[in-house]
Amino acid sequence: MGDDITIANRLAGLDGTTVWHEFTDLANEHKAVNLGQGFPDWDAPEFAIEACGKATSEGHNQYARPGGSPELVKVLADYYSPLLGHTINPMTQVCVTVGCSEALFLACIPF
């Protein structure tokens, strides 16, 4: 492909900088840890690497359902139900997202 790529009109204006660019510049300026984009500048701790290897070798190597794996949403529902004073249905009242951007998007869109 060359430089003659045409962008659909509905995407006009989306090729500029984003808030994430601003966060990165501010984090660099203030020497802060930048968790905004999920790019840590250190390796994962050994226990996490070992746990990941163990989990994938035991068959936990597929995409989860969109709302989160059944095991994870159940643990979250069991933990938060007593704190909130009522039983939370893990399959219909708990949603695990891929990251903050997805969580914010889902929280803001009308259903």
PDB file of N, CA and C in Angstrom:
ATOM      1  N   MET A   1       0.837  -1.184   0.000  1.00  0.00           N
ATOM      2  CA  MET A   1       0.000   0.000   0.000  1.00  0.00           C
ATOM      3  C   MET A   1       0.878   1.243   0.000  1.00  0.00           C
ATOM      4  N   GLY A   2       0.370   2.261  -0.635  1.00  0.00           N
ATOM      5  CA  GLY A   2       1.109   3.515  -0.687  1.00  0.00           C
ATOM      6  C   GLY A   2       0.474   4.560   0.197  1.00  0.00           C
ATOM      7  N   ASP A   3       0.793   5.813  -0.069  1.00  0.00           N
ATOM      8  CA  ASP A   3       0.257   6.925   0.713  1.00  0.00           C
ATOM      9  C   ASP A   3      -1.113   7.376   0.229  1.00  0.00           C
ATOM     10  N   ASP A   4      -1.705   6.656  -0.695  1.00  0.00           N
ATOM     11  CA  ASP A   4      -2.981   7.067  -1.276  1.00  0.00           C
ATOM     12  C   ASP A   4      -4.170   6.401  -0.583  1.00  0.00           C
ATOM     13  N   ILE A   5      -4.041   6.129   0.709  1.00  0.00           N
ATOM     14  CA  ILE A   5      -5.116   5.494   1.464  1.00  0.00           C
ATOM     15  C   ILE A   5      -6.199   6.529   1.752  1.00  0.00           C
ATOM     16  N   THR A   6      -7.432   6.157   1.498  1.00  0.00           N
ATOM     17  CA  THR A   6      -8.562   7.035   1.765  1.00  0.00           C
ATOM     18  C   THR A   6      -9.246   6.582   3.049  1.00  0.00           C
ATOM     19  N   ILE A   7      -9.506   7.529   3.941  1.00  0.00           N
ATOM     20  CA  ILE A   7     -10.187   7.233   5.198  1.00  0.00           C
ATOM     21  C   ILE A   7     -11.654   7.586   5.039  1.00  0.00           C
ATOM     22  N   ALA A   8     -12.530   6.730   5.552  1.00  0.00           N
ATOM     23  CA  ALA A   8     -13.959   6.990   5.490  1.00  0.00           C
ATOM     24  C   ALA A   8     -14.286   8.314   6.171  1.00  0.00           C
ATOM     25  N   ASN A   9     -15.246   9.040   5.637  1.00  0.00           N
ATOM     26  CA  ASN A   9     -15.624  10.342   6.198  1.00  0.00           C
ATOM     27  C   ASN A   9     -15.993  10.261   7.671  1.00  0.00           C
ATOM     28  N   ARG A  10     -16.620   9.162   8.077  1.00  0.00           N
ATOM     29  CA  ARG A  10     -17.053   9.040   9.473  1.00  0.00           C
ATOM     30  C   ARG A  10     -15.868   8.969  10.437  1.00  0.00           C
ATOM     31  N   LEU A  11     -14.659   8.727   9.921  1.00  0.00           N
ATOM     32  CA  LEU A  11     -13.472   8.652  10.757  1.00  0.00           C
ATOM     33  C   LEU A  11     -12.646   9.937  10.731  1.00  0.00           C
ATOM     34  N   ALA A  12     -13.127  10.927  10.000  1.00  0.00           N
ATOM     35  CA  ALA A  12     -12.384  12.193   9.899  1.00  0.00           C
ATOM     36  C   ALA A  12     -12.167  12.789  11.284  1.00  0.00           C
ATOM     37  N   GLY A  13     -10.958  13.199  11.547  1.00  0.00           N
ATOM     38  CA  GLY A  13     -10.626  13.817  12.818  1.00  0.00           C
ATOM     39  C   GLY A  13     -10.151  12.847  13.883  1.00  0.00           C
ATOM     40  N   LEU A  14     -10.245  11.550  13.613  1.00  0.00           N
ATOM     41  CA  LEU A  14      -9.827  10.562  14.606  1.00  0.00           C
ATOM     42  C   LEU A  14      -8.360  10.170  14.473  1.00  0.00           C
ATOM     43  N   ASP A  15      -7.662  10.814  13.560  1.00  0.00           N
ATOM     44  CA  ASP A  15      -6.272  10.451  13.343  1.00  0.00           C
ATOM     45  C   ASP A  15      -5.301  11.341  14.119  1.00  0.00           C
ATOM     46  N   GLY A  16      -5.826  12.226  14.949  1.00  0.00           N
ATOM     47  CA  GLY A  16      -4.972  13.121  15.734  1.00  0.00           C
ATOM     48  C   GLY A  16      -4.567  12.493  17.048  1.00  0.00           C
ATOM     49  N   THR A  17      -3.996  13.309  17.914  1.00  0.00           N
ATOM     50  CA  THR A  17      -3.586  12.808  19.223  1.00  0.00           C
ATOM     51  C   THR A  17      -4.805  12.518  20.080  1.00  0.00           C
ATOM     52  N   THR A  18      -4.611  11.681  21.070  1.00  0.00           N
ATOM     53  CA  THR A  18      -5.688  11.296  21.977  1.00  0.00           C
ATOM     54  C   THR A  18      -5.322  11.715  23.397  1.00  0.00           C
ATOM     55  N   VAL A  19      -6.239  11.513  24.289  1.00  0.00           N
ATOM     56  CA  VAL A  19      -5.988  11.815  25.694  1.00  0.00           C
ATOM     57  C   VAL A  19      -4.832  10.967  26.213  1.00  0.00           C
ATOM     58  N   TRP A  20      -4.639   9.776  25.646  1.00  0.00           N
ATOM     59  CA  TRP A  20      -3.552   8.905  26.089  1.00  0.00           C
ATOM     60  C   TRP A  20      -2.190   9.518  25.762  1.00  0.00           C
ATOM     61  N   HIS A  21      -2.104  10.215  24.643  1.00  0.00           N
ATOM     62  CA  HIS A  21      -0.858  10.915  24.326  1.00  0.00           C
ATOM     63  C   HIS A  21      -0.580  11.984  25.389  1.00  0.00           C
ATOM     64  N   GLU A  22      -1.625  12.697  25.786  1.00  0.00           N
ATOM     65  CA  GLU A  22      -1.463  13.739  26.802  1.00  0.00           C
ATOM     66  C   GLU A  22      -1.033  13.134  28.139  1.00  0.00           C
ATOM     67  N   PHE A  23      -1.644  12.008  28.517  1.00  0.00           N
ATOM     68  CA  PHE A  23      -1.269  11.345  29.765  1.00  0.00           C
ATOM     69  C   PHE A  23       0.199  10.946  29.750  1.00  0.00           C
ATOM     70  N   THR A  24       0.653  10.407  28.628  1.00  0.00           N
ATOM     71  CA  THR A  24       2.045   9.969  28.528  1.00  0.00           C
ATOM     72  C   THR A  24       2.989  11.148  28.678  1.00  0.00           C
ATOM     73  N   ASP A  25       2.698  12.243  27.997  1.00  0.00           N
ATOM     74  CA  ASP A  25       3.548  13.432  28.113  1.00  0.00           C
ATOM     75  C   ASP A  25       3.567  13.957  29.549  1.00  0.00           C
ATOM     76  N   LEU A  26       2.407  13.994  30.195  1.00  0.00           N
ATOM     77  CA  LEU A  26       2.335  14.487  31.578  1.00  0.00           C
ATOM     78  C   LEU A  26       3.071  13.560  32.540  1.00  0.00           C
ATOM     79  N   ALA A  27       2.904  12.249  32.328  1.00  0.00           N
ATOM     80  CA  ALA A  27       3.609  11.295  33.189  1.00  0.00           C
ATOM     81  C   ALA A  27       5.115  11.452  33.045  1.00  0.00           C
ATOM     82  N   ASN A  28       5.574  11.617  31.820  1.00  0.00           N
ATOM     83  CA  ASN A  28       7.009  11.810  31.593  1.00  0.00           C
ATOM     84  C   ASN A  28       7.488  13.110  32.227  1.00  0.00           C
ATOM     85  N   GLU A  29       6.709  14.168  32.072  1.00  0.00           N
ATOM     86  CA  GLU A  29       7.087  15.476  32.614  1.00  0.00           C
ATOM     87  C   GLU A  29       7.210  15.451  34.135  1.00  0.00           C
ATOM     88  N   HIS A  30       6.278  14.736  34.787  1.00  0.00           N
ATOM     89  CA  HIS A  30       6.240  14.723  36.247  1.00  0.00           C
ATOM     90  C   HIS A  30       6.897  13.480  36.847  1.00  0.00           C
ATOM     91  N   LYS A  31       7.554  12.697  35.990  1.00  0.00           N
ATOM     92  CA  LYS A  31       8.231  11.473  36.420  1.00  0.00           C
ATOM     93  C   LYS A  31       7.290  10.554  37.197  1.00  0.00           C
ATOM     94  N   ALA A  32       6.061  10.437  36.690  1.00  0.00           N
ATOM     95  CA  ALA A  32       5.050   9.592  37.316  1.00  0.00           C
ATOM     96  C   ALA A  32       5.026   8.221  36.643  1.00  0.00           C
ATOM     97  N   VAL A  33       4.497   7.236  37.348  1.00  0.00           N
ATOM     98  CA  VAL A  33       4.289   5.925  36.746  1.00  0.00           C
ATOM     99  C   VAL A  33       3.087   6.055  35.822  1.00  0.00           C
ATOM    100  N   ASN A  34       3.258   5.707  34.568  1.00  0.00           N
ATOM    101  CA  ASN A  34       2.184   5.836  33.584  1.00  0.00           C
ATOM    102  C   ASN A  34       1.471   4.506  33.426  1.00  0.00           C
ATOM    103  N   LEU A  35       0.309   4.377  34.066  1.00  0.00           N
ATOM    104  CA  LEU A  35      -0.499   3.174  33.915  1.00  0.00           C
ATOM    105  C   LEU A  35      -1.611   3.385  32.899  1.00  0.00           C
ATOM    106  N   GLY A  36      -1.631   4.531  32.248  1.00  0.00           N
ATOM    107  CA  GLY A  36      -2.703   4.878  31.326  1.00  0.00           C
ATOM    108  C   GLY A  36      -2.789   4.003  30.101  1.00  0.00           C
ATOM    109  N   GLN A  37      -1.680   3.519  29.610  1.00  0.00           N
ATOM    110  CA  GLN A  37      -1.710   2.742  28.391  1.00  0.00           C
ATOM    111  C   GLN A  37      -1.330   1.283  28.606  1.00  0.00           C
ATOM    112  N   GLY A  38      -1.030   0.905  29.792  1.00  0.00           N
ATOM    113  CA  GLY A  38      -0.718  -0.484  30.053  1.00  0.00           C
ATOM    114  C   GLY A  38       0.618  -0.935  29.500  1.00  0.00           C
ATOM    115  N   PHE A  39       1.603  -0.034  29.450  1.00  0.00           N
ATOM    116  CA  PHE A  39       2.929  -0.387  28.982  1.00  0.00           C
ATOM    117  C   PHE A  39       3.928  -0.238  30.128  1.00  0.00           C
ATOM    118  N   PRO A  40       3.991  -1.206  31.047  1.00  0.00           N
ATOM    119  CA  PRO A  40       4.962  -1.076  32.122  1.00  0.00           C
ATOM    120  C   PRO A  40       6.376  -1.164  31.559  1.00  0.00           C
ATOM    121  N   ASP A  41       7.302  -0.525  32.229  1.00  0.00           N
ATOM    122  CA  ASP A  41       8.685  -0.573  31.763  1.00  0.00           C
ATOM    123  C   ASP A  41       9.522  -1.500  32.644  1.00  0.00           C
ATOM    124  N   TRP A  42       8.885  -2.540  33.183  1.00  0.00           N
ATOM    125  CA  TRP A  42       9.580  -3.542  33.971  1.00  0.00           C
ATOM    126  C   TRP A  42       8.980  -4.903  33.636  1.00  0.00           C
ATOM    127  N   ASP A  43       9.744  -5.958  33.886  1.00  0.00           N
ATOM    128  CA  ASP A  43       9.254  -7.311  33.639  1.00  0.00           C
ATOM    129  C   ASP A  43       8.287  -7.720  34.738  1.00  0.00           C
ATOM    130  N   ALA A  44       7.413  -8.640  34.397  1.00  0.00           N
ATOM    131  CA  ALA A  44       6.492  -9.185  35.390  1.00  0.00           C
ATOM    132  C   ALA A  44       7.294  -9.931  36.446  1.00  0.00           C
ATOM    133  N   PRO A  45       6.806  -9.962  37.699  1.00  0.00           N
ATOM    134  CA  PRO A  45       7.507 -10.720  38.733  1.00  0.00           C
ATOM    135  C   PRO A  45       7.486 -12.218  38.409  1.00  0.00           C
ATOM    136  N   GLU A  46       8.459 -12.928  38.885  1.00  0.00           N
ATOM    137  CA  GLU A  46       8.609 -14.354  38.566  1.00  0.00           C
ATOM    138  C   GLU A  46       7.368 -15.156  38.934  1.00  0.00           C
ATOM    139  N   PHE A  47       6.723 -14.850  40.087  1.00  0.00           N
ATOM    140  CA  PHE A  47       5.538 -15.616  40.481  1.00  0.00           C
ATOM    141  C   PHE A  47       4.417 -15.459  39.462  1.00  0.00           C
ATOM    142  N   ALA A  48       4.306 -14.277  38.846  1.00  0.00           N
ATOM    143  CA  ALA A  48       3.267 -14.057  37.840  1.00  0.00           C
ATOM    144  C   ALA A  48       3.586 -14.824  36.556  1.00  0.00           C
ATOM    145  N   ILE A  49       4.843 -14.836  36.174  1.00  0.00           N
ATOM    146  CA  ILE A  49       5.257 -15.586  34.982  1.00  0.00           C
ATOM    147  C   ILE A  49       4.992 -17.075  35.190  1.00  0.00           C
ATOM    148  N   GLU A  50       5.339 -17.581  36.375  1.00  0.00           N
ATOM    149  CA  GLU A  50       5.102 -18.997  36.671  1.00  0.00           C
ATOM    150  C   GLU A  50       3.606 -19.317  36.691  1.00  0.00           C
ATOM    151  N   ALA A  51       2.796 -18.449  37.301  1.00  0.00           N
ATOM    152  CA  ALA A  51       1.348 -18.677  37.356  1.00  0.00           C
ATOM    153  C   ALA A  51       0.742 -18.661  35.960  1.00  0.00           C
ATOM    154  N   CYS A  52       1.225 -17.777  35.103  1.00  0.00           N
ATOM    155  CA  CYS A  52       0.727 -17.716  33.726  1.00  0.00           C
ATOM    156  C   CYS A  52       1.059 -19.006  32.981  1.00  0.00           C
ATOM    157  N   GLY A  53       2.287 -19.474  33.123  1.00  0.00           N
ATOM    158  CA  GLY A  53       2.678 -20.725  32.475  1.00  0.00           C
ATOM    159  C   GLY A  53       1.860 -21.902  32.974  1.00  0.00           C
ATOM    160  N   LYS A  54       1.642 -21.965  34.288  1.00  0.00           N
ATOM    161  CA  LYS A  54       0.844 -23.047  34.876  1.00  0.00           C
ATOM    162  C   LYS A  54      -0.591 -22.998  34.356  1.00  0.00           C
ATOM    163  N   ALA A  55      -1.173 -21.805  34.345  1.00  0.00           N
ATOM    164  CA  ALA A  55      -2.566 -21.667  33.894  1.00  0.00           C
ATOM    165  C   ALA A  55      -2.720 -22.078  32.430  1.00  0.00           C
ATOM    166  N   THR A  56      -1.816 -21.644  31.575  1.00  0.00           N
ATOM    167  CA  THR A  56      -1.953 -21.994  30.156  1.00  0.00           C
ATOM    168  C   THR A  56      -1.717 -23.474  29.927  1.00  0.00           C
ATOM    169  N   SER A  57      -0.833 -24.099  30.701  1.00  0.00           N
ATOM    170  CA  SER A  57      -0.599 -25.532  30.526  1.00  0.00           C
ATOM    171  C   SER A  57      -1.756 -26.362  31.069  1.00  0.00           C
ATOM    172  N   GLU A  58      -2.597 -25.764  31.908  1.00  0.00           N
ATOM    173  CA  GLU A  58      -3.761 -26.465  32.456  1.00  0.00           C
ATOM    174  C   GLU A  58      -5.036 -26.167  31.677  1.00  0.00           C
ATOM    175  N   GLY A  59      -4.890 -25.603  30.485  1.00  0.00           N
ATOM    176  CA  GLY A  59      -6.055 -25.411  29.627  1.00  0.00           C
ATOM    177  C   GLY A  59      -6.702 -24.045  29.689  1.00  0.00           C
ATOM    178  N   HIS A  60      -6.173 -23.138  30.498  1.00  0.00           N
ATOM    179  CA  HIS A  60      -6.726 -21.783  30.566  1.00  0.00           C
ATOM    180  C   HIS A  60      -6.016 -20.924  29.521  1.00  0.00           C
ATOM    181  N   ASN A  61      -6.323 -21.194  28.264  1.00  0.00           N
ATOM    182  CA  ASN A  61      -5.603 -20.531  27.182  1.00  0.00           C
ATOM    183  C   ASN A  61      -6.527 -20.049  26.063  1.00  0.00           C
ATOM    184  N   GLN A  62      -7.778 -19.854  26.391  1.00  0.00           N
ATOM    185  CA  GLN A  62      -8.751 -19.398  25.403  1.00  0.00           C
ATOM    186  C   GLN A  62      -9.354 -18.075  25.857  1.00  0.00           C
ATOM    187  N   TYR A  63      -9.965 -17.364  24.914  1.00  0.00           N
ATOM    188  CA  TYR A  63     -10.664 -16.146  25.279  1.00  0.00           C
ATOM    189  C   TYR A  63     -11.794 -16.463  26.243  1.00  0.00           C
ATOM    190  N   ALA A  64     -12.007 -15.568  27.179  1.00  0.00           N
ATOM    191  CA  ALA A  64     -13.128 -15.711  28.106  1.00  0.00           C
ATOM    192  C   ALA A  64     -14.397 -15.191  27.443  1.00  0.00           C
ATOM    193  N   ARG A  65     -15.533 -15.469  28.030  1.00  0.00           N
ATOM    194  CA  ARG A  65     -16.783 -14.877  27.553  1.00  0.00           C
ATOM    195  C   ARG A  65     -16.655 -13.360  27.698  1.00  0.00           C
ATOM    196  N   PRO A  66     -17.403 -12.576  26.935  1.00  0.00           N
ATOM    197  CA  PRO A  66     -17.219 -11.118  26.950  1.00  0.00           C
ATOM    198  C   PRO A  66     -17.320 -10.471  28.339  1.00  0.00           C
ATOM    199  N   GLY A  67     -18.126 -11.017  29.226  1.00  0.00           N
ATOM    200  CA  GLY A  67     -18.276 -10.426  30.553  1.00  0.00           C
ATOM    201  C   GLY A  67     -17.266 -10.918  31.571  1.00  0.00           C
ATOM    202  N   GLY A  68     -16.361 -11.788  31.167  1.00  0.00           N
ATOM    203  CA  GLY A  68     -15.370 -12.339  32.087  1.00  0.00           C
ATOM    204  C   GLY A  68     -15.561 -13.831  32.272  1.00  0.00           C
ATOM    205  N   SER A  69     -14.509 -14.514  32.648  1.00  0.00           N
ATOM    206  CA  SER A  69     -14.601 -15.964  32.827  1.00  0.00           C
ATOM    207  C   SER A  69     -15.557 -16.276  33.971  1.00  0.00           C
ATOM    208  N   PRO A  70     -16.314 -17.379  33.847  1.00  0.00           N
ATOM    209  CA  PRO A  70     -17.261 -17.732  34.917  1.00  0.00           C
ATOM    210  C   PRO A  70     -16.598 -17.845  36.290  1.00  0.00           C
ATOM    211  N   GLU A  71     -15.379 -18.388  36.335  1.00  0.00           N
ATOM    212  CA  GLU A  71     -14.694 -18.528  37.623  1.00  0.00           C
ATOM    213  C   GLU A  71     -14.407 -17.152  38.237  1.00  0.00           C
ATOM    214  N   LEU A  72     -13.944 -16.221  37.420  1.00  0.00           N
ATOM    215  CA  LEU A  72     -13.600 -14.890  37.928  1.00  0.00           C
ATOM    216  C   LEU A  72     -14.840 -14.119  38.374  1.00  0.00           C
ATOM    217  N   VAL A  73     -15.898 -14.099  37.571  1.00  0.00           N
ATOM    218  CA  VAL A  73     -17.079 -13.326  37.968  1.00  0.00           C
ATOM    219  C   VAL A  73     -17.736 -13.924  39.205  1.00  0.00           C
ATOM    220  N   LYS A  74     -17.629 -15.255  39.384  1.00  0.00           N
ATOM    221  CA  LYS A  74     -18.174 -15.870  40.594  1.00  0.00           C
ATOM    222  C   LYS A  74     -17.392 -15.415  41.823  1.00  0.00           C
ATOM    223  N   VAL A  75     -16.067 -15.402  41.735  1.00  0.00           N
ATOM    224  CA  VAL A  75     -15.246 -14.942  42.868  1.00  0.00           C
ATOM    225  C   VAL A  75     -15.595 -13.495  43.214  1.00  0.00           C
ATOM    226  N   LEU A  76     -15.746 -12.654  42.188  1.00  0.00           N
ATOM    227  CA  LEU A  76     -16.080 -11.249  42.435  1.00  0.00           C
ATOM    228  C   LEU A  76     -17.459 -11.109  43.067  1.00  0.00           C
ATOM    229  N   ALA A  77     -18.437 -11.860  42.555  1.00  0.00           N
ATOM    230  CA  ALA A  77     -19.790 -11.802  43.120  1.00  0.00           C
ATOM    231  C   ALA A  77     -19.796 -12.291  44.563  1.00  0.00           C
ATOM    232  N   ASP A  78     -19.082 -13.371  44.836  1.00  0.00           N
ATOM    233  CA  ASP A  78     -19.011 -13.893  46.207  1.00  0.00           C
ATOM    234  C   ASP A  78     -18.351 -12.890  47.154  1.00  0.00           C
ATOM    235  N   TYR A  79     -17.358 -12.182  46.669  1.00  0.00           N
ATOM    236  CA  TYR A  79     -16.658 -11.201  47.508  1.00  0.00           C
ATOM    237  C   TYR A  79     -17.528  -9.971  47.775  1.00  0.00           C
ATOM    238  N   TYR A  80     -18.173  -9.452  46.726  1.00  0.00           N
ATOM    239  CA  TYR A  80     -18.903  -8.184  46.867  1.00  0.00           C
ATOM    240  C   TYR A  80     -20.325  -8.343  47.394  1.00  0.00           C
ATOM    241  N   SER A  81     -20.926  -9.507  47.289  1.00  0.00           N
ATOM    242  CA  SER A  81     -22.294  -9.692  47.785  1.00  0.00           C
ATOM    243  C   SER A  81     -22.435  -9.306  49.255  1.00  0.00           C
ATOM    244  N   PRO A  82     -21.596  -9.826  50.161  1.00  0.00           N
ATOM    245  CA  PRO A  82     -21.746  -9.426  51.566  1.00  0.00           C
ATOM    246  C   PRO A  82     -21.452  -7.943  51.800  1.00  0.00           C
ATOM    247  N   LEU A  83     -20.509  -7.405  51.048  1.00  0.00           N
ATOM    248  CA  LEU A  83     -20.173  -5.991  51.219  1.00  0.00           C
ATOM    249  C   LEU A  83     -21.332  -5.084  50.810  1.00  0.00           C
ATOM    250  N   LEU A  84     -22.083  -5.506  49.803  1.00  0.00           N
ATOM    251  CA  LEU A  84     -23.199  -4.695  49.309  1.00  0.00           C
ATOM    252  C   LEU A  84     -24.537  -5.080  49.941  1.00  0.00           C
ATOM    253  N   GLY A  85     -24.544  -6.146  50.717  1.00  0.00           N
ATOM    254  CA  GLY A  85     -25.747  -6.525  51.453  1.00  0.00           C
ATOM    255  C   GLY A  85     -26.808  -7.236  50.634  1.00  0.00           C
ATOM    256  N   HIS A  86     -26.450  -7.751  49.475  1.00  0.00           N
ATOM    257  CA  HIS A  86     -27.387  -8.558  48.703  1.00  0.00           C
ATOM    258  C   HIS A  86     -26.615  -9.488  47.772  1.00  0.00           C
ATOM    259  N   THR A  87     -27.287 -10.537  47.331  1.00  0.00           N
ATOM    260  CA  THR A  87     -26.639 -11.520  46.468  1.00  0.00           C
ATOM    261  C   THR A  87     -26.506 -10.982  45.055  1.00  0.00           C
ATOM    262  N   ILE A  88     -25.307 -11.045  44.535  1.00  0.00           N
ATOM    263  CA  ILE A  88     -25.027 -10.601  43.171  1.00  0.00           C
ATOM    264  C   ILE A  88     -24.968 -11.825  42.270  1.00  0.00           C
ATOM    265  N   ASN A  89     -25.689 -11.782  41.163  1.00  0.00           N
ATOM    266  CA  ASN A  89     -25.639 -12.865  40.184  1.00  0.00           C
ATOM    267  C   ASN A  89     -24.385 -12.674  39.331  1.00  0.00           C
ATOM    268  N   PRO A  90     -23.426 -13.599  39.419  1.00  0.00           N
ATOM    269  CA  PRO A  90     -22.164 -13.394  38.713  1.00  0.00           C
ATOM    270  C   PRO A  90     -22.298 -13.362  37.190  1.00  0.00           C
ATOM    271  N   MET A  91     -23.270 -14.067  36.649  1.00  0.00           N
ATOM    272  CA  MET A  91     -23.383 -14.152  35.194  1.00  0.00           C
ATOM    273  C   MET A  91     -24.182 -13.010  34.585  1.00  0.00           C
ATOM    274  N   THR A  92     -24.930 -12.278  35.401  1.00  0.00           N
ATOM    275  CA  THR A  92     -25.727 -11.182  34.847  1.00  0.00           C
ATOM    276  C   THR A  92     -25.445  -9.826  35.478  1.00  0.00           C
ATOM    277  N   GLN A  93     -24.752  -9.817  36.623  1.00  0.00           N
ATOM    278  CA  GLN A  93     -24.530  -8.553  37.321  1.00  0.00           C
ATOM    279  C   GLN A  93     -23.061  -8.211  37.532  1.00  0.00           C
ATOM    280  N   VAL A  94     -22.165  -8.983  36.951  1.00  0.00           N
ATOM    281  CA  VAL A  94     -20.728  -8.705  37.045  1.00  0.00           C
ATOM    282  C   VAL A  94     -20.181  -8.690  35.628  1.00  0.00           C
ATOM    283  N   CYS A  95     -19.400  -7.664  35.329  1.00  0.00           N
ATOM    284  CA  CYS A  95     -18.772  -7.566  34.007  1.00  0.00           C
ATOM    285  C   CYS A  95     -17.294  -7.236  34.197  1.00  0.00           C
ATOM    286  N   VAL A  96     -16.441  -8.067  33.656  1.00  0.00           N
ATOM    287  CA  VAL A  96     -15.003  -7.838  33.686  1.00  0.00           C
ATOM    288  C   VAL A  96     -14.605  -7.347  32.301  1.00  0.00           C
ATOM    289  N   THR A  97     -13.882  -6.251  32.243  1.00  0.00           N
ATOM    290  CA  THR A  97     -13.507  -5.682  30.954  1.00  0.00           C
ATOM    291  C   THR A  97     -12.024  -5.894  30.668  1.00  0.00           C
ATOM    292  N   VAL A  98     -11.652  -5.669  29.426  1.00  0.00           N
ATOM    293  CA  VAL A  98     -10.270  -5.840  28.995  1.00  0.00           C
ATOM    294  C   VAL A  98      -9.393  -4.716  29.526  1.00  0.00           C
ATOM    295  N   GLY A  99      -9.953  -3.583  29.797  1.00  0.00           N
ATOM    296  CA  GLY A  99      -9.188  -2.458  30.315  1.00  0.00           C
ATOM    297  C   GLY A  99     -10.095  -1.311  30.650  1.00  0.00           C
ATOM    298  N   CYS A 100      -9.504  -0.232  31.069  1.00  0.00           N
ATOM    299  CA  CYS A 100     -10.252   0.940  31.498  1.00  0.00           C
ATOM    300  C   CYS A 100     -11.068   1.552  30.362  1.00  0.00           C
ATOM    301  N   SER A 101     -10.495   1.599  29.170  1.00  0.00           N
ATOM    302  CA  SER A 101     -11.227   2.205  28.049  1.00  0.00           C
ATOM    303  C   SER A 101     -12.530   1.471  27.785  1.00  0.00           C
ATOM    304  N   GLU A 102     -12.481   0.142  27.808  1.00  0.00           N
ATOM    305  CA  GLU A 102     -13.703  -0.631  27.589  1.00  0.00           C
ATOM    306  C   GLU A 102     -14.694  -0.414  28.727  1.00  0.00           C
ATOM    307  N   ALA A 103     -14.205  -0.379  29.957  1.00  0.00           N
ATOM    308  CA  ALA A 103     -15.083  -0.179  31.104  1.00  0.00           C
ATOM    309  C   ALA A 103     -15.779   1.181  31.021  1.00  0.00           C
ATOM    310  N   LEU A 104     -15.026   2.233  30.689  1.00  0.00           N
ATOM    311  CA  LEU A 104     -15.621   3.561  30.562  1.00  0.00           C
ATOM    312  C   LEU A 104     -16.634   3.597  29.433  1.00  0.00           C
ATOM    313  N   PHE A 105     -16.295   2.985  28.320  1.00  0.00           N
ATOM    314  CA  PHE A 105     -17.219   2.950  27.178  1.00  0.00           C
ATOM    315  C   PHE A 105     -18.528   2.268  27.589  1.00  0.00           C
ATOM    316  N   LEU A 106     -18.433   1.102  28.228  1.00  0.00           N
ATOM    317  CA  LEU A 106     -19.639   0.375  28.619  1.00  0.00           C
ATOM    318  C   LEU A 106     -20.456   1.119  29.665  1.00  0.00           C
ATOM    319  N   ALA A 107     -19.755   1.867  30.532  1.00  0.00           N
ATOM    320  CA  ALA A 107     -20.470   2.629  31.557  1.00  0.00           C
ATOM    321  C   ALA A 107     -21.208   3.827  30.966  1.00  0.00           C
ATOM    322  N   CYS A 108     -20.736   4.325  29.831  1.00  0.00           N
ATOM    323  CA  CYS A 108     -21.301   5.546  29.267  1.00  0.00           C
ATOM    324  C   CYS A 108     -22.324   5.345  28.163  1.00  0.00           C
ATOM    325  N   ILE A 109     -22.311   4.203  27.491  1.00  0.00           N
ATOM    326  CA  ILE A 109     -23.242   4.026  26.376  1.00  0.00           C
ATOM    327  C   ILE A 109     -24.641   3.702  26.923  1.00  0.00           C
ATOM    328  N   PRO A 110     -25.662   4.201  26.272  1.00  0.00           N
ATOM    329  CA  PRO A 110     -27.028   3.878  26.702  1.00  0.00           C
ATOM    330  C   PRO A 110     -27.413   2.472  26.250  1.00  0.00           C
ATOM    331  N   PHE A 111     -28.108   1.775  27.084  1.00  0.00           N
ATOM    332  CA  PHE A 111     -28.598   0.433  26.729  1.00  0.00           C
ATOM    333  C   PHE A 111     -30.074   0.494  26.481  1.00  0.00           C
TER     334      PHE A 111
END
